[in-house]
Amino acid sequence: CQRELEQEGSPVAEKVPLGMIVETPAAALCAEELAEEADFFSIGTNDLTQYTCAADRQNQNLGDFFNPCHPAVLKEIRMTVEAAHRHGIRAGICGEMGADPQMTEMLLEMGVDELSVNPSAILPLRKKIREINRRTRGEPPLQ
């Protein structure tokens, strides 16, 4: 694609960041090695949860087993973020977990660098992050 754009005379960055989505337990377990090759990680929490809990999120009969707060899922997220940071790359969250205000503080404490969410979730999430920041600085809550 880069060559094609250059041939068309379009400006192209010399280096385009190459990232990867971490959405399987295998990828999370190999995050250390993968971080040596990637410029950033995006952790796909919907699929990561589904594969870790062995519960198809589309199957109503297995709904009780699909748990984004399962300790194994949280451990995989933490491992992935820590591996990314050891290699100097960013780790973000995409998926429903990123828009869940009840998960925001824990994700930030894990060191997650960014949250990819639907536009409708931005304002409530922004408010939650501001409240967390105010609390950690010892400021009164927002009115």
N, C-alpha and C. Protein backbone atom coordinates (compact mmCIF):
# COMPACT_ATOMS: atom_id res chain seq x y z
N CYS A 1 0.83 -1.20 0.00
CA CYS A 1 0.00 0.00 0.00
C CYS A 1 0.87 1.25 0.00
N GLN A 2 1.95 1.20 0.78
CA GLN A 2 2.83 2.35 0.86
C GLN A 2 3.43 2.66 -0.51
N ARG A 3 3.89 1.63 -1.20
CA ARG A 3 4.46 1.83 -2.53
C ARG A 3 3.43 2.40 -3.49
N GLU A 4 2.21 1.86 -3.44
CA GLU A 4 1.15 2.36 -4.32
C GLU A 4 0.87 3.83 -4.08
N LEU A 5 0.78 4.22 -2.81
CA LEU A 5 0.54 5.62 -2.49
C LEU A 5 1.69 6.50 -2.95
N GLU A 6 2.91 6.04 -2.77
CA GLU A 6 4.08 6.80 -3.23
C GLU A 6 4.07 6.96 -4.74
N GLN A 7 3.67 5.90 -5.47
CA GLN A 7 3.61 5.96 -6.93
C GLN A 7 2.55 6.95 -7.39
N GLU A 8 1.49 7.08 -6.58
CA GLU A 8 0.44 8.05 -6.90
C GLU A 8 0.86 9.47 -6.54
N GLY A 9 1.97 9.60 -5.84
CA GLY A 9 2.43 10.91 -5.42
C GLY A 9 1.83 11.38 -4.11
N SER A 10 1.19 10.48 -3.39
CA SER A 10 0.59 10.84 -2.10
C SER A 10 1.67 10.81 -1.02
N PRO A 11 1.59 11.73 -0.06
CA PRO A 11 2.57 11.70 1.04
C PRO A 11 2.33 10.49 1.94
N VAL A 12 3.41 9.86 2.34
CA VAL A 12 3.32 8.66 3.16
C VAL A 12 4.37 8.76 4.27
N ALA A 13 3.97 8.38 5.47
CA ALA A 13 4.91 8.37 6.59
C ALA A 13 5.99 7.33 6.31
N GLU A 14 7.21 7.62 6.77
CA GLU A 14 8.30 6.67 6.58
C GLU A 14 8.04 5.38 7.35
N LYS A 15 7.55 5.53 8.56
CA LYS A 15 7.26 4.35 9.39
C LYS A 15 5.81 4.41 9.86
N VAL A 16 5.06 3.42 9.49
CA VAL A 16 3.68 3.32 9.93
C VAL A 16 3.65 2.37 11.12
N PRO A 17 3.14 2.82 12.27
CA PRO A 17 3.12 1.94 13.44
C PRO A 17 2.35 0.65 13.15
N LEU A 18 2.92 -0.45 13.59
CA LEU A 18 2.31 -1.76 13.39
C LEU A 18 1.92 -2.30 14.76
N GLY A 19 0.64 -2.44 14.97
CA GLY A 19 0.16 -2.93 16.25
C GLY A 19 -0.52 -4.26 16.10
N MET A 20 -0.96 -4.77 17.22
CA MET A 20 -1.69 -6.04 17.18
C MET A 20 -2.80 -6.03 18.22
N ILE A 21 -3.81 -6.80 17.93
CA ILE A 21 -4.90 -6.94 18.89
C ILE A 21 -4.67 -8.23 19.67
N VAL A 22 -4.76 -8.11 20.97
CA VAL A 22 -4.59 -9.25 21.86
C VAL A 22 -5.99 -9.68 22.27
N GLU A 23 -6.44 -10.79 21.72
CA GLU A 23 -7.80 -11.23 22.02
C GLU A 23 -7.92 -12.72 22.28
N THR A 24 -6.78 -13.37 22.44
CA THR A 24 -6.81 -14.79 22.81
C THR A 24 -5.89 -14.99 24.02
N PRO A 25 -6.17 -15.99 24.83
CA PRO A 25 -5.27 -16.29 25.94
C PRO A 25 -3.84 -16.55 25.45
N ALA A 26 -3.69 -17.19 24.30
CA ALA A 26 -2.35 -17.47 23.78
C ALA A 26 -1.59 -16.17 23.52
N ALA A 27 -2.25 -15.19 22.95
CA ALA A 27 -1.59 -13.90 22.68
C ALA A 27 -1.22 -13.21 23.99
N ALA A 28 -2.10 -13.26 24.98
CA ALA A 28 -1.80 -12.65 26.28
C ALA A 28 -0.61 -13.34 26.93
N LEU A 29 -0.56 -14.66 26.86
CA LEU A 29 0.54 -15.41 27.46
C LEU A 29 1.87 -15.17 26.74
N CYS A 30 1.80 -14.80 25.47
CA CYS A 30 3.00 -14.52 24.68
C CYS A 30 3.24 -13.02 24.51
N ALA A 31 2.59 -12.21 25.32
CA ALA A 31 2.67 -10.75 25.16
C ALA A 31 4.10 -10.25 25.22
N GLU A 32 4.93 -10.86 26.03
CA GLU A 32 6.33 -10.43 26.15
C GLU A 32 7.03 -10.53 24.80
N GLU A 33 6.89 -11.67 24.16
CA GLU A 33 7.53 -11.88 22.86
C GLU A 33 6.88 -11.02 21.78
N LEU A 34 5.57 -10.91 21.81
CA LEU A 34 4.87 -10.12 20.80
C LEU A 34 5.19 -8.64 20.91
N ALA A 35 5.44 -8.17 22.13
CA ALA A 35 5.76 -6.76 22.33
C ALA A 35 7.11 -6.40 21.70
N GLU A 36 7.94 -7.38 21.46
CA GLU A 36 9.22 -7.12 20.78
C GLU A 36 9.00 -6.79 19.31
N GLU A 37 7.85 -7.18 18.77
CA GLU A 37 7.57 -6.99 17.34
C GLU A 37 6.57 -5.87 17.07
N ALA A 38 5.73 -5.57 18.02
CA ALA A 38 4.62 -4.62 17.79
C ALA A 38 4.98 -3.22 18.28
N ASP A 39 4.32 -2.23 17.69
CA ASP A 39 4.47 -0.84 18.13
C ASP A 39 3.42 -0.46 19.17
N PHE A 40 2.35 -1.24 19.26
CA PHE A 40 1.32 -1.02 20.26
C PHE A 40 0.44 -2.26 20.35
N PHE A 41 -0.26 -2.38 21.48
CA PHE A 41 -1.24 -3.45 21.69
C PHE A 41 -2.62 -2.82 21.84
N SER A 42 -3.60 -3.51 21.33
CA SER A 42 -4.99 -3.21 21.60
C SER A 42 -5.59 -4.50 22.16
N ILE A 43 -6.07 -4.46 23.37
CA ILE A 43 -6.60 -5.67 24.03
C ILE A 43 -8.10 -5.75 23.74
N GLY A 44 -8.49 -6.74 22.98
CA GLY A 44 -9.90 -6.94 22.62
C GLY A 44 -10.60 -7.72 23.72
N THR A 45 -11.20 -6.99 24.64
CA THR A 45 -11.73 -7.63 25.85
C THR A 45 -12.93 -8.54 25.60
N ASN A 46 -13.73 -8.25 24.58
CA ASN A 46 -14.89 -9.13 24.33
C ASN A 46 -14.43 -10.54 23.96
N ASP A 47 -13.55 -10.63 22.97
CA ASP A 47 -13.07 -11.95 22.55
C ASP A 47 -12.17 -12.57 23.60
N LEU A 48 -11.31 -11.77 24.23
CA LEU A 48 -10.44 -12.32 25.27
C LEU A 48 -11.26 -12.96 26.38
N THR A 49 -12.33 -12.31 26.78
CA THR A 49 -13.21 -12.88 27.81
C THR A 49 -13.87 -14.15 27.31
N GLN A 50 -14.39 -14.10 26.10
CA GLN A 50 -15.08 -15.27 25.54
C GLN A 50 -14.16 -16.48 25.48
N TYR A 51 -12.93 -16.29 24.98
CA TYR A 51 -12.02 -17.42 24.82
C TYR A 51 -11.47 -17.88 26.17
N THR A 52 -11.23 -16.96 27.08
CA THR A 52 -10.70 -17.33 28.39
C THR A 52 -11.73 -18.10 29.20
N CYS A 53 -12.96 -17.64 29.15
CA CYS A 53 -14.03 -18.29 29.93
C CYS A 53 -14.68 -19.44 29.18
N ALA A 54 -14.26 -19.68 27.95
CA ALA A 54 -14.84 -20.74 27.11
C ALA A 54 -16.35 -20.62 27.07
N ALA A 55 -16.82 -19.38 26.84
CA ALA A 55 -18.26 -19.12 26.84
C ALA A 55 -18.60 -18.18 25.69
N ASP A 56 -19.26 -18.70 24.69
CA ASP A 56 -19.68 -17.89 23.55
C ASP A 56 -20.66 -16.82 24.03
N ARG A 57 -20.30 -15.56 23.85
CA ARG A 57 -21.15 -14.49 24.37
C ARG A 57 -22.47 -14.36 23.62
N GLN A 58 -22.56 -15.00 22.46
CA GLN A 58 -23.81 -14.98 21.70
C GLN A 58 -24.78 -16.08 22.14
N ASN A 59 -24.29 -17.04 22.90
CA ASN A 59 -25.10 -18.17 23.34
C ASN A 59 -25.75 -17.83 24.68
N GLN A 60 -27.05 -17.63 24.69
CA GLN A 60 -27.78 -17.25 25.89
C GLN A 60 -27.61 -18.26 27.02
N ASN A 61 -27.43 -19.53 26.68
CA ASN A 61 -27.27 -20.57 27.70
C ASN A 61 -25.94 -20.47 28.44
N LEU A 62 -24.98 -19.77 27.86
CA LEU A 62 -23.66 -19.66 28.48
C LEU A 62 -23.40 -18.27 29.06
N GLY A 63 -24.40 -17.42 29.02
CA GLY A 63 -24.25 -16.04 29.47
C GLY A 63 -23.67 -15.89 30.86
N ASP A 64 -24.02 -16.78 31.77
CA ASP A 64 -23.52 -16.68 33.14
C ASP A 64 -22.01 -16.95 33.23
N PHE A 65 -21.47 -17.61 32.22
CA PHE A 65 -20.04 -17.95 32.24
C PHE A 65 -19.18 -16.87 31.60
N PHE A 66 -19.80 -15.98 30.83
CA PHE A 66 -19.07 -14.89 30.18
C PHE A 66 -18.89 -13.78 31.21
N ASN A 67 -17.70 -13.70 31.79
CA ASN A 67 -17.46 -12.78 32.90
C ASN A 67 -16.18 -11.97 32.66
N PRO A 68 -16.32 -10.71 32.21
CA PRO A 68 -15.14 -9.88 31.98
C PRO A 68 -14.33 -9.62 33.25
N CYS A 69 -14.94 -9.82 34.42
CA CYS A 69 -14.24 -9.61 35.69
C CYS A 69 -13.62 -10.89 36.23
N HIS A 70 -13.66 -11.94 35.45
CA HIS A 70 -13.06 -13.20 35.89
C HIS A 70 -11.57 -12.95 36.18
N PRO A 71 -11.06 -13.49 37.27
CA PRO A 71 -9.65 -13.26 37.62
C PRO A 71 -8.67 -13.61 36.50
N ALA A 72 -8.98 -14.63 35.72
CA ALA A 72 -8.07 -15.00 34.62
C ALA A 72 -8.04 -13.92 33.54
N VAL A 73 -9.18 -13.35 33.23
CA VAL A 73 -9.25 -12.28 32.23
C VAL A 73 -8.47 -11.06 32.72
N LEU A 74 -8.68 -10.69 33.97
CA LEU A 74 -7.99 -9.53 34.53
C LEU A 74 -6.48 -9.76 34.59
N LYS A 75 -6.08 -10.98 34.90
CA LYS A 75 -4.65 -11.31 34.94
C LYS A 75 -4.05 -11.21 33.53
N GLU A 76 -4.78 -11.66 32.53
CA GLU A 76 -4.29 -11.57 31.14
C GLU A 76 -4.13 -10.11 30.71
N ILE A 77 -5.08 -9.28 31.10
CA ILE A 77 -4.99 -7.86 30.76
C ILE A 77 -3.77 -7.25 31.44
N ARG A 78 -3.62 -7.50 32.71
CA ARG A 78 -2.47 -6.95 33.46
C ARG A 78 -1.14 -7.42 32.85
N MET A 79 -1.04 -8.71 32.56
CA MET A 79 0.19 -9.26 31.97
C MET A 79 0.52 -8.58 30.64
N THR A 80 -0.51 -8.37 29.84
CA THR A 80 -0.32 -7.76 28.53
C THR A 80 0.13 -6.31 28.65
N VAL A 81 -0.51 -5.56 29.53
CA VAL A 81 -0.13 -4.16 29.74
C VAL A 81 1.30 -4.07 30.28
N GLU A 82 1.63 -4.90 31.24
CA GLU A 82 2.97 -4.86 31.83
C GLU A 82 4.04 -5.23 30.79
N ALA A 83 3.75 -6.23 29.96
CA ALA A 83 4.71 -6.61 28.91
C ALA A 83 4.88 -5.47 27.92
N ALA A 84 3.79 -4.83 27.55
CA ALA A 84 3.86 -3.70 26.63
C ALA A 84 4.76 -2.60 27.20
N HIS A 85 4.52 -2.25 28.44
CA HIS A 85 5.28 -1.17 29.06
C HIS A 85 6.75 -1.51 29.23
N ARG A 86 7.06 -2.77 29.51
CA ARG A 86 8.46 -3.17 29.62
C ARG A 86 9.20 -2.96 28.30
N HIS A 87 8.45 -3.02 27.20
CA HIS A 87 9.05 -2.87 25.87
C HIS A 87 8.80 -1.47 25.29
N GLY A 88 8.27 -0.58 26.12
CA GLY A 88 8.10 0.81 25.70
C GLY A 88 6.99 1.05 24.70
N ILE A 89 5.98 0.18 24.71
CA ILE A 89 4.85 0.40 23.80
C ILE A 89 3.57 0.60 24.61
N ARG A 90 2.57 1.16 23.95
CA ARG A 90 1.29 1.45 24.59
C ARG A 90 0.38 0.23 24.53
N ALA A 91 -0.53 0.16 25.50
CA ALA A 91 -1.54 -0.90 25.53
C ALA A 91 -2.89 -0.26 25.80
N GLY A 92 -3.80 -0.46 24.88
CA GLY A 92 -5.15 0.09 25.02
C GLY A 92 -6.17 -1.02 25.15
N ILE A 93 -7.36 -0.61 25.51
CA ILE A 93 -8.50 -1.53 25.65
C ILE A 93 -9.51 -1.19 24.58
N CYS A 94 -10.00 -2.21 23.90
CA CYS A 94 -11.17 -2.03 23.05
C CYS A 94 -12.16 -3.13 23.44
N GLY A 95 -13.41 -2.84 23.27
CA GLY A 95 -14.45 -3.77 23.71
C GLY A 95 -15.30 -3.12 24.78
N GLU A 96 -16.33 -3.82 25.16
CA GLU A 96 -17.31 -3.27 26.09
C GLU A 96 -16.71 -2.91 27.44
N MET A 97 -15.69 -3.62 27.88
CA MET A 97 -15.09 -3.34 29.17
C MET A 97 -14.56 -1.90 29.24
N GLY A 98 -14.05 -1.41 28.14
CA GLY A 98 -13.49 -0.07 28.11
C GLY A 98 -14.51 1.01 28.40
N ALA A 99 -15.77 0.75 28.09
CA ALA A 99 -16.82 1.74 28.30
C ALA A 99 -17.56 1.54 29.62
N ASP A 100 -17.17 0.54 30.38
CA ASP A 100 -17.85 0.25 31.65
C ASP A 100 -17.25 1.11 32.76
N PRO A 101 -17.98 2.13 33.25
CA PRO A 101 -17.43 3.02 34.27
C PRO A 101 -17.04 2.29 35.56
N GLN A 102 -17.63 1.13 35.81
CA GLN A 102 -17.27 0.37 37.01
C GLN A 102 -15.90 -0.28 36.87
N MET A 103 -15.41 -0.40 35.64
CA MET A 103 -14.11 -1.02 35.38
C MET A 103 -13.01 0.02 35.17
N THR A 104 -13.39 1.27 34.98
CA THR A 104 -12.43 2.31 34.59
C THR A 104 -11.26 2.44 35.55
N GLU A 105 -11.53 2.57 36.82
CA GLU A 105 -10.46 2.78 37.79
C GLU A 105 -9.49 1.61 37.81
N MET A 106 -10.02 0.40 37.78
CA MET A 106 -9.15 -0.78 37.80
C MET A 106 -8.28 -0.82 36.55
N LEU A 107 -8.84 -0.50 35.39
CA LEU A 107 -8.06 -0.51 34.16
C LEU A 107 -6.96 0.55 34.20
N LEU A 108 -7.29 1.72 34.73
CA LEU A 108 -6.27 2.77 34.85
C LEU A 108 -5.18 2.36 35.83
N GLU A 109 -5.57 1.72 36.93
CA GLU A 109 -4.57 1.25 37.91
C GLU A 109 -3.66 0.18 37.30
N MET A 110 -4.18 -0.59 36.36
CA MET A 110 -3.36 -1.60 35.67
C MET A 110 -2.37 -0.95 34.72
N GLY A 111 -2.58 0.32 34.42
CA GLY A 111 -1.68 1.03 33.53
C GLY A 111 -2.14 1.12 32.10
N VAL A 112 -3.40 0.78 31.84
CA VAL A 112 -3.93 0.87 30.48
C VAL A 112 -3.75 2.31 29.99
N ASP A 113 -3.25 2.46 28.77
CA ASP A 113 -2.93 3.77 28.23
C ASP A 113 -4.10 4.47 27.55
N GLU A 114 -5.03 3.70 27.01
CA GLU A 114 -6.17 4.31 26.32
C GLU A 114 -7.36 3.36 26.32
N LEU A 115 -8.53 3.95 26.20
CA LEU A 115 -9.78 3.20 26.14
C LEU A 115 -10.48 3.56 24.83
N SER A 116 -10.74 2.58 24.02
CA SER A 116 -11.44 2.79 22.76
C SER A 116 -12.91 2.45 22.99
N VAL A 117 -13.77 3.45 22.83
CA VAL A 117 -15.19 3.26 23.14
C VAL A 117 -16.06 3.88 22.06
N ASN A 118 -17.33 3.51 22.06
CA ASN A 118 -18.30 4.14 21.16
C ASN A 118 -18.48 5.59 21.57
N PRO A 119 -18.79 6.45 20.62
CA PRO A 119 -18.95 7.88 20.93
C PRO A 119 -19.93 8.15 22.07
N SER A 120 -20.98 7.36 22.19
CA SER A 120 -21.98 7.59 23.25
C SER A 120 -21.41 7.35 24.65
N ALA A 121 -20.30 6.65 24.74
CA ALA A 121 -19.70 6.34 26.05
C ALA A 121 -18.64 7.37 26.46
N ILE A 122 -18.27 8.25 25.56
CA ILE A 122 -17.15 9.17 25.85
C ILE A 122 -17.45 10.09 27.03
N LEU A 123 -18.59 10.76 27.03
CA LEU A 123 -18.86 11.73 28.10
C LEU A 123 -18.97 11.08 29.48
N PRO A 124 -19.73 9.98 29.64
CA PRO A 124 -19.77 9.35 30.96
C PRO A 124 -18.39 8.84 31.41
N LEU A 125 -17.62 8.33 30.48
CA LEU A 125 -16.29 7.83 30.80
C LEU A 125 -15.36 8.98 31.17
N ARG A 126 -15.45 10.05 30.45
CA ARG A 126 -14.64 11.23 30.76
C ARG A 126 -14.95 11.75 32.16
N LYS A 127 -16.24 11.78 32.50
CA LYS A 127 -16.66 12.23 33.84
C LYS A 127 -16.08 11.31 34.91
N LYS A 128 -16.13 10.01 34.67
CA LYS A 128 -15.60 9.04 35.63
C LYS A 128 -14.10 9.24 35.82
N ILE A 129 -13.37 9.43 34.75
CA ILE A 129 -11.92 9.62 34.84
C ILE A 129 -11.60 10.91 35.58
N ARG A 130 -12.36 11.96 35.33
CA ARG A 130 -12.15 13.22 36.06
C ARG A 130 -12.40 13.04 37.55
N GLU A 131 -13.44 12.27 37.91
CA GLU A 131 -13.73 12.02 39.32
C GLU A 131 -12.58 11.24 39.98
N ILE A 132 -12.07 10.26 39.27
CA ILE A 132 -10.94 9.46 39.80
C ILE A 132 -9.74 10.37 39.99
N ASN A 133 -9.43 11.18 39.01
CA ASN A 133 -8.28 12.09 39.11
C ASN A 133 -8.44 13.06 40.27
N ARG A 134 -9.64 13.60 40.46
CA ARG A 134 -9.87 14.53 41.56
C ARG A 134 -9.69 13.83 42.90
N ARG A 135 -10.23 12.63 43.01
CA ARG A 135 -10.13 11.87 44.26
C ARG A 135 -8.68 11.55 44.59
N THR A 136 -7.90 11.14 43.58
CA THR A 136 -6.51 10.78 43.85
C THR A 136 -5.68 12.01 44.21
N ARG A 137 -6.14 13.19 43.82
CA ARG A 137 -5.44 14.43 44.19
C ARG A 137 -5.99 15.01 45.48
N GLY A 138 -6.99 14.35 46.09
CA GLY A 138 -7.57 14.83 47.35
C GLY A 138 -8.51 16.00 47.17
N GLU A 139 -9.06 16.17 45.98
CA GLU A 139 -9.99 17.27 45.72
C GLU A 139 -11.42 16.81 45.98
N PRO A 140 -12.34 17.73 46.23
CA PRO A 140 -13.74 17.35 46.45
C PRO A 140 -14.37 16.82 45.17
N PRO A 141 -15.42 15.99 45.30
CA PRO A 141 -16.07 15.44 44.11
C PRO A 141 -16.73 16.53 43.29
N LEU A 142 -16.94 16.25 42.01
CA LEU A 142 -17.64 17.18 41.12
C LEU A 142 -19.09 17.32 41.55
N GLN A 143 -19.61 18.49 41.39
CA GLN A 143 -21.03 18.73 41.74
C GLN A 143 -21.91 18.56 40.51
